[in-house]
Amino acid sequence: MATLTLIRGADLLAAPWKNGGGVTREVAAFPPNAGLNDFVWRVSIADVAQAGPFSRFAGIDRTLVLLSGAGMVLDEMDVLKAVKSHSLTQVLDTARFDGEAHIDARLTDGATRDFNLMVRRDAAQGEVDVWHGQWQQSTQRTLSADVALLFCASGSVTVAPGDLEPLSLDAGDTLRIDMSNALPCTLEGAGAVLAISIRYTQR
């Protein structure tokens, strides 16, 4: 049976990045109370106020989604040369990269806010899907994962997982669903939702 946890964006606490170059707000992590060096997965919101390097996380697969701001370019550096670049020019653009990569961020025009999924690749796999919609009528999606998180990136959405009571999400809110294999979810409202699916490869 699915277990639901509603996480309000207004309740998230700000903390410095691992390298001190910005501010992060942890949405959820596993195991509970895990630090930045021992999580299996972590979901967070980051404010990037200036250009500079990202924190590095060995053994971690990262997915980043632009939530607000004019965008940025993430350069993967080898010594002093960029070998690959990820351009996030529109809200909800997505970049995927290795946590151990040397990433240098260039802001397009001022600060950005970003959604981050980090997963330890030898213990789990994670995916982020962007659900755009004007759900004036009920729309059903199916979640298949050990843990799913539905993050309301904009607008407001009502989510009814399976036959459970509907819950309302405003921008910045997250619904965490544990044991969500093949769980149908009905959505209503107008906005954008990031659907995060996490599957454990080690038990």
C-alpha atoms as a PDB file:
ATOM      1  CA  MET A   1       0.000   0.000   0.000  1.00  0.00           C
ATOM      2  CA  ALA A   2       1.307   3.446  -0.903  1.00  0.00           C
ATOM      3  CA  THR A   3       2.503   5.821   1.813  1.00  0.00           C
ATOM      4  CA  LEU A   4       2.063   9.538   1.132  1.00  0.00           C
ATOM      5  CA  THR A   5       4.087  12.451   2.522  1.00  0.00           C
ATOM      6  CA  LEU A   6       3.126  16.024   1.668  1.00  0.00           C
ATOM      7  CA  ILE A   7       6.108  18.402   1.702  1.00  0.00           C
ATOM      8  CA  ARG A   8       5.276  22.096   1.573  1.00  0.00           C
ATOM      9  CA  GLY A   9       7.742  24.367  -0.204  1.00  0.00           C
ATOM     10  CA  ALA A  10       7.269  27.049   2.455  1.00  0.00           C
ATOM     11  CA  ASP A  11       8.674  24.660   5.081  1.00  0.00           C
ATOM     12  CA  LEU A  12      11.994  23.966   3.311  1.00  0.00           C
ATOM     13  CA  LEU A  13      15.108  25.239   5.079  1.00  0.00           C
ATOM     14  CA  ALA A  14      18.011  26.947   3.302  1.00  0.00           C
ATOM     15  CA  ALA A  15      21.566  25.621   3.707  1.00  0.00           C
ATOM     16  CA  PRO A  16      24.875  26.409   1.940  1.00  0.00           C
ATOM     17  CA  TRP A  17      26.073  24.290  -0.959  1.00  0.00           C
ATOM     18  CA  LYS A  18      28.704  21.662  -0.303  1.00  0.00           C
ATOM     19  CA  ASN A  19      31.303  24.049  -1.809  1.00  0.00           C
ATOM     20  CA  GLY A  20      29.735  27.160  -0.246  1.00  0.00           C
ATOM     21  CA  GLY A  21      28.944  28.725  -3.624  1.00  0.00           C
ATOM     22  CA  GLY A  22      25.156  28.912  -3.316  1.00  0.00           C
ATOM     23  CA  VAL A  23      22.076  27.959  -1.311  1.00  0.00           C
ATOM     24  CA  THR A  24      20.142  24.683  -1.367  1.00  0.00           C
ATOM     25  CA  ARG A  25      16.844  23.584   0.144  1.00  0.00           C
ATOM     26  CA  GLU A  26      16.478  19.849   0.650  1.00  0.00           C
ATOM     27  CA  VAL A  27      13.065  18.500  -0.313  1.00  0.00           C
ATOM     28  CA  ALA A  28      13.666  14.848   0.574  1.00  0.00           C
ATOM     29  CA  ALA A  29      16.492  12.330   0.857  1.00  0.00           C
ATOM     30  CA  PHE A  30      17.141   8.678   1.624  1.00  0.00           C
ATOM     31  CA  PRO A  31      18.105   7.402   4.091  1.00  0.00           C
ATOM     32  CA  PRO A  32      16.442   9.921   6.429  1.00  0.00           C
ATOM     33  CA  ASN A  33      18.861  12.503   7.826  1.00  0.00           C
ATOM     34  CA  ALA A  34      21.595  11.430   5.404  1.00  0.00           C
ATOM     35  CA  GLY A  35      24.430  13.897   4.922  1.00  0.00           C
ATOM     36  CA  LEU A  36      25.812  15.145   1.626  1.00  0.00           C
ATOM     37  CA  ASN A  37      28.325  12.293   1.495  1.00  0.00           C
ATOM     38  CA  ASP A  38      26.131   9.302   2.340  1.00  0.00           C
ATOM     39  CA  PHE A  39      22.702   9.717   0.708  1.00  0.00           C
ATOM     40  CA  VAL A  40      21.321   7.153  -1.751  1.00  0.00           C
ATOM     41  CA  TRP A  41      19.172   9.828  -3.366  1.00  0.00           C
ATOM     42  CA  ARG A  42      18.450  13.485  -2.690  1.00  0.00           C
ATOM     43  CA  VAL A  43      15.991  15.984  -4.134  1.00  0.00           C
ATOM     44  CA  SER A  44      16.571  19.692  -3.579  1.00  0.00           C
ATOM     45  CA  ILE A  45      15.983  23.233  -4.837  1.00  0.00           C
ATOM     46  CA  ALA A  46      19.050  25.417  -5.471  1.00  0.00           C
ATOM     47  CA  ASP A  47      19.406  29.162  -5.876  1.00  0.00           C
ATOM     48  CA  VAL A  48      22.291  30.113  -8.164  1.00  0.00           C
ATOM     49  CA  ALA A  49      23.119  33.797  -7.687  1.00  0.00           C
ATOM     50  CA  GLN A  50      26.431  33.982  -9.529  1.00  0.00           C
ATOM     51  CA  ALA A  51      28.600  32.149 -12.016  1.00  0.00           C
ATOM     52  CA  GLY A  52      31.043  29.576 -10.712  1.00  0.00           C
ATOM     53  CA  PRO A  53      31.715  25.890 -10.086  1.00  0.00           C
ATOM     54  CA  PHE A  54      29.156  23.354  -8.908  1.00  0.00           C
ATOM     55  CA  SER A  55      29.839  21.071  -5.966  1.00  0.00           C
ATOM     56  CA  ARG A  56      31.236  17.683  -7.035  1.00  0.00           C
ATOM     57  CA  PHE A  57      29.701  14.376  -5.920  1.00  0.00           C
ATOM     58  CA  ALA A  58      31.628  11.214  -6.833  1.00  0.00           C
ATOM     59  CA  GLY A  59      29.459   8.251  -7.837  1.00  0.00           C
ATOM     60  CA  ILE A  60      26.333  10.364  -8.250  1.00  0.00           C
ATOM     61  CA  ASP A  61      24.109  10.809 -11.316  1.00  0.00           C
ATOM     62  CA  ARG A  62      22.592  14.290 -11.429  1.00  0.00           C
ATOM     63  CA  THR A  63      19.538  15.746 -13.148  1.00  0.00           C
ATOM     64  CA  LEU A  64      18.923  19.501 -13.055  1.00  0.00           C
ATOM     65  CA  VAL A  65      15.764  21.324 -14.199  1.00  0.00           C
ATOM     66  CA  LEU A  66      15.532  25.103 -14.601  1.00  0.00           C
ATOM     67  CA  LEU A  67      12.627  26.427 -12.501  1.00  0.00           C
ATOM     68  CA  SER A  68      13.004  30.197 -12.910  1.00  0.00           C
ATOM     69  CA  GLY A  69      15.376  32.826 -14.247  1.00  0.00           C
ATOM     70  CA  ALA A  70      16.813  33.592 -17.659  1.00  0.00           C
ATOM     71  CA  GLY A  71      18.826  30.384 -17.736  1.00  0.00           C
ATOM     72  CA  MET A  72      22.417  29.252 -17.661  1.00  0.00           C
ATOM     73  CA  VAL A  73      25.042  27.188 -19.437  1.00  0.00           C
ATOM     74  CA  LEU A  74      26.776  24.333 -17.612  1.00  0.00           C
ATOM     75  CA  ASP A  75      30.255  23.660 -18.986  1.00  0.00           C
ATOM     76  CA  GLU A  76      31.915  20.315 -18.251  1.00  0.00           C
ATOM     77  CA  MET A  77      35.572  21.279 -17.868  1.00  0.00           C
ATOM     78  CA  ASP A  78      38.729  19.266 -18.529  1.00  0.00           C
ATOM     79  CA  VAL A  79      41.613  21.259 -17.027  1.00  0.00           C
ATOM     80  CA  LEU A  80      40.765  24.716 -18.445  1.00  0.00           C
ATOM     81  CA  LYS A  81      38.821  23.604 -21.519  1.00  0.00           C
ATOM     82  CA  ALA A  82      35.071  22.944 -21.845  1.00  0.00           C
ATOM     83  CA  VAL A  83      34.525  19.483 -23.341  1.00  0.00           C
ATOM     84  CA  LYS A  84      30.714  19.544 -23.194  1.00  0.00           C
ATOM     85  CA  SER A  85      28.055  22.152 -22.473  1.00  0.00           C
ATOM     86  CA  HIS A  86      24.455  21.918 -21.275  1.00  0.00           C
ATOM     87  CA  SER A  87      22.300  24.942 -22.162  1.00  0.00           C
ATOM     88  CA  LEU A  88      19.193  25.625 -20.101  1.00  0.00           C
ATOM     89  CA  THR A  89      17.509  28.533 -21.867  1.00  0.00           C
ATOM     90  CA  GLN A  90      13.831  27.945 -21.072  1.00  0.00           C
ATOM     91  CA  VAL A  91      12.047  27.173 -17.827  1.00  0.00           C
ATOM     92  CA  LEU A  92      11.809  23.366 -17.379  1.00  0.00           C
ATOM     93  CA  ASP A  93      14.836  22.686 -19.610  1.00  0.00           C
ATOM     94  CA  THR A  94      16.735  19.676 -18.248  1.00  0.00           C
ATOM     95  CA  ALA A  95      20.417  18.712 -17.998  1.00  0.00           C
ATOM     96  CA  ARG A  96      21.877  15.357 -16.944  1.00  0.00           C
ATOM     97  CA  PHE A  97      25.516  14.879 -15.950  1.00  0.00           C
ATOM     98  CA  ASP A  98      27.880  12.933 -13.688  1.00  0.00           C
ATOM     99  CA  GLY A  99      28.287  14.307 -10.196  1.00  0.00           C
ATOM    100  CA  GLU A 100      32.056  13.935 -10.328  1.00  0.00           C
ATOM    101  CA  ALA A 101      32.297  16.102 -13.455  1.00  0.00           C
ATOM    102  CA  HIS A 102      33.876  19.533 -13.061  1.00  0.00           C
ATOM    103  CA  ILE A 103      30.877  21.747 -13.864  1.00  0.00           C
ATOM    104  CA  ASP A 104      31.263  25.495 -14.291  1.00  0.00           C
ATOM    105  CA  ALA A 105      28.015  27.501 -14.493  1.00  0.00           C
ATOM    106  CA  ARG A 106      27.561  30.631 -16.617  1.00  0.00           C
ATOM    107  CA  LEU A 107      24.391  32.629 -15.911  1.00  0.00           C
ATOM    108  CA  THR A 108      22.540  34.073 -18.896  1.00  0.00           C
ATOM    109  CA  ASP A 109      21.076  37.133 -17.182  1.00  0.00           C
ATOM    110  CA  GLY A 110      20.919  37.023 -13.402  1.00  0.00           C
ATOM    111  CA  ALA A 111      20.060  34.470 -10.751  1.00  0.00           C
ATOM    112  CA  THR A 112      18.260  31.180 -11.385  1.00  0.00           C
ATOM    113  CA  ARG A 113      16.394  28.646  -9.292  1.00  0.00           C
ATOM    114  CA  ASP A 114      16.885  24.981 -10.144  1.00  0.00           C
ATOM    115  CA  PHE A 115      15.484  21.580  -9.224  1.00  0.00           C
ATOM    116  CA  ASN A 116      18.076  18.884  -8.498  1.00  0.00           C
ATOM    117  CA  LEU A 117      17.857  15.100  -8.376  1.00  0.00           C
ATOM    118  CA  MET A 118      20.989  13.275  -7.218  1.00  0.00           C
ATOM    119  CA  VAL A 119      21.138   9.461  -7.169  1.00  0.00           C
ATOM    120  CA  ARG A 120      23.995   7.179  -6.116  1.00  0.00           C
ATOM    121  CA  ARG A 121      24.439   5.125  -9.276  1.00  0.00           C
ATOM    122  CA  ASP A 122      25.586   1.907  -7.570  1.00  0.00           C
ATOM    123  CA  ALA A 123      22.472   1.821  -5.365  1.00  0.00           C
ATOM    124  CA  ALA A 124      19.567   3.310  -7.335  1.00  0.00           C
ATOM    125  CA  GLN A 125      18.349   4.786 -10.606  1.00  0.00           C
ATOM    126  CA  GLY A 126      16.362   7.992 -10.960  1.00  0.00           C
ATOM    127  CA  GLU A 127      14.405   9.712 -13.723  1.00  0.00           C
ATOM    128  CA  VAL A 128      12.680  13.081 -14.046  1.00  0.00           C
ATOM    129  CA  ASP A 129       9.712  13.544 -16.387  1.00  0.00           C
ATOM    130  CA  VAL A 130       8.181  16.960 -17.049  1.00  0.00           C
ATOM    131  CA  TRP A 131       4.397  16.893 -17.132  1.00  0.00           C
ATOM    132  CA  HIS A 132       2.985  19.989 -18.819  1.00  0.00           C
ATOM    133  CA  GLY A 133      -0.732  20.425 -18.676  1.00  0.00           C
ATOM    134  CA  GLN A 134      -3.893  22.398 -18.358  1.00  0.00           C
ATOM    135  CA  TRP A 135      -5.751  19.631 -16.561  1.00  0.00           C
ATOM    136  CA  GLN A 136      -9.216  21.166 -16.674  1.00  0.00           C
ATOM    137  CA  GLN A 137     -10.543  17.635 -16.857  1.00  0.00           C
ATOM    138  CA  SER A 138      -9.114  14.734 -14.908  1.00  0.00           C
ATOM    139  CA  THR A 139      -5.970  13.247 -16.433  1.00  0.00           C
ATOM    140  CA  GLN A 140      -4.558   9.940 -15.265  1.00  0.00           C
ATOM    141  CA  ARG A 141      -0.882   8.999 -15.180  1.00  0.00           C
ATOM    142  CA  THR A 142       0.687   5.806 -13.864  1.00  0.00           C
ATOM    143  CA  LEU A 143       3.704   5.848 -11.549  1.00  0.00           C
ATOM    144  CA  SER A 144       5.996   2.829 -11.443  1.00  0.00           C
ATOM    145  CA  ALA A 145       8.871   3.102  -8.969  1.00  0.00           C
ATOM    146  CA  ASP A 146       9.950   2.282  -5.428  1.00  0.00           C
ATOM    147  CA  VAL A 147       9.636   5.974  -4.574  1.00  0.00           C
ATOM    148  CA  ALA A 148       7.938   8.678  -6.618  1.00  0.00           C
ATOM    149  CA  LEU A 149       7.890  12.409  -5.978  1.00  0.00           C
ATOM    150  CA  LEU A 150       5.536  14.842  -7.692  1.00  0.00           C
ATOM    151  CA  PHE A 151       6.928  18.377  -7.521  1.00  0.00           C
ATOM    152  CA  CYS A 152       4.646  21.226  -8.553  1.00  0.00           C
ATOM    153  CA  ALA A 153       6.921  23.497 -10.578  1.00  0.00           C
ATOM    154  CA  SER A 154       4.248  26.108 -11.386  1.00  0.00           C
ATOM    155  CA  GLY A 155       0.553  26.773 -10.948  1.00  0.00           C
ATOM    156  CA  SER A 156      -1.485  24.473  -8.730  1.00  0.00           C
ATOM    157  CA  VAL A 157      -2.475  20.839  -9.161  1.00  0.00           C
ATOM    158  CA  THR A 158      -4.726  18.413  -7.312  1.00  0.00           C
ATOM    159  CA  VAL A 159      -3.374  14.863  -7.192  1.00  0.00           C
ATOM    160  CA  ALA A 160      -5.347  11.755  -6.282  1.00  0.00           C
ATOM    161  CA  PRO A 161      -3.023   8.711  -5.981  1.00  0.00           C
ATOM    162  CA  GLY A 162      -4.980   5.501  -6.539  1.00  0.00           C
ATOM    163  CA  ASP A 163      -8.173   5.562  -4.475  1.00  0.00           C
ATOM    164  CA  LEU A 164      -6.651   7.807  -1.784  1.00  0.00           C
ATOM    165  CA  GLU A 165      -7.904  11.249  -0.808  1.00  0.00           C
ATOM    166  CA  PRO A 166      -6.919  14.026  -3.292  1.00  0.00           C
ATOM    167  CA  LEU A 167      -4.200  16.455  -2.203  1.00  0.00           C
ATOM    168  CA  SER A 168      -3.615  19.988  -3.497  1.00  0.00           C
ATOM    169  CA  LEU A 169      -0.124  21.100  -4.514  1.00  0.00           C
ATOM    170  CA  ASP A 170       0.881  24.727  -5.037  1.00  0.00           C
ATOM    171  CA  ALA A 171       4.116  25.795  -6.758  1.00  0.00           C
ATOM    172  CA  GLY A 172       7.043  24.497  -4.698  1.00  0.00           C
ATOM    173  CA  ASP A 173       5.084  21.705  -2.981  1.00  0.00           C
ATOM    174  CA  THR A 174       5.988  18.020  -3.321  1.00  0.00           C
ATOM    175  CA  LEU A 175       4.016  14.816  -2.843  1.00  0.00           C
ATOM    176  CA  ARG A 176       6.257  11.864  -1.943  1.00  0.00           C
ATOM    177  CA  ILE A 177       4.823   8.404  -2.612  1.00  0.00           C
ATOM    178  CA  ASP A 178       6.609   5.334  -1.248  1.00  0.00           C
ATOM    179  CA  MET A 179       5.882   1.879  -2.666  1.00  0.00           C
ATOM    180  CA  SER A 180       4.279   3.348  -5.769  1.00  0.00           C
ATOM    181  CA  ASN A 181       4.680   0.485  -8.242  1.00  0.00           C
ATOM    182  CA  ALA A 182       1.988   0.726 -10.930  1.00  0.00           C
ATOM    183  CA  LEU A 183       0.043   3.345  -8.989  1.00  0.00           C
ATOM    184  CA  PRO A 184      -2.457   5.365 -11.060  1.00  0.00           C
ATOM    185  CA  CYS A 185      -2.631   9.078 -10.220  1.00  0.00           C
ATOM    186  CA  THR A 186      -5.384  11.442 -11.285  1.00  0.00           C
ATOM    187  CA  LEU A 187      -4.404  15.103 -11.811  1.00  0.00           C
ATOM    188  CA  GLU A 188      -6.521  18.227 -12.110  1.00  0.00           C
ATOM    189  CA  GLY A 189      -5.528  21.877 -12.385  1.00  0.00           C
ATOM    190  CA  ALA A 190      -3.193  24.059 -14.398  1.00  0.00           C
ATOM    191  CA  GLY A 191       0.566  24.042 -14.095  1.00  0.00           C
ATOM    192  CA  ALA A 192       3.666  21.930 -14.538  1.00  0.00           C
ATOM    193  CA  VAL A 193       4.703  18.893 -12.503  1.00  0.00           C
ATOM    194  CA  LEU A 194       8.081  17.193 -12.280  1.00  0.00           C
ATOM    195  CA  ALA A 195       7.534  13.461 -11.806  1.00  0.00           C
ATOM    196  CA  ILE A 196      10.551  11.808 -10.187  1.00  0.00           C
ATOM    197  CA  SER A 197      10.830   8.005 -10.240  1.00  0.00           C
ATOM    198  CA  ILE A 198      13.429   6.237  -8.094  1.00  0.00           C
ATOM    199  CA  ARG A 199      14.167   2.523  -8.264  1.00  0.00           C
ATOM    200  CA  TYR A 200      16.557   0.804  -5.875  1.00  0.00           C
ATOM    201  CA  THR A 201      19.112  -1.543  -7.424  1.00  0.00           C
ATOM    202  CA  GLN A 202      20.469  -2.642  -4.030  1.00  0.00           C
ATOM    203  CA  ARG A 203      18.193  -3.909  -1.266  1.00  0.00           C
END
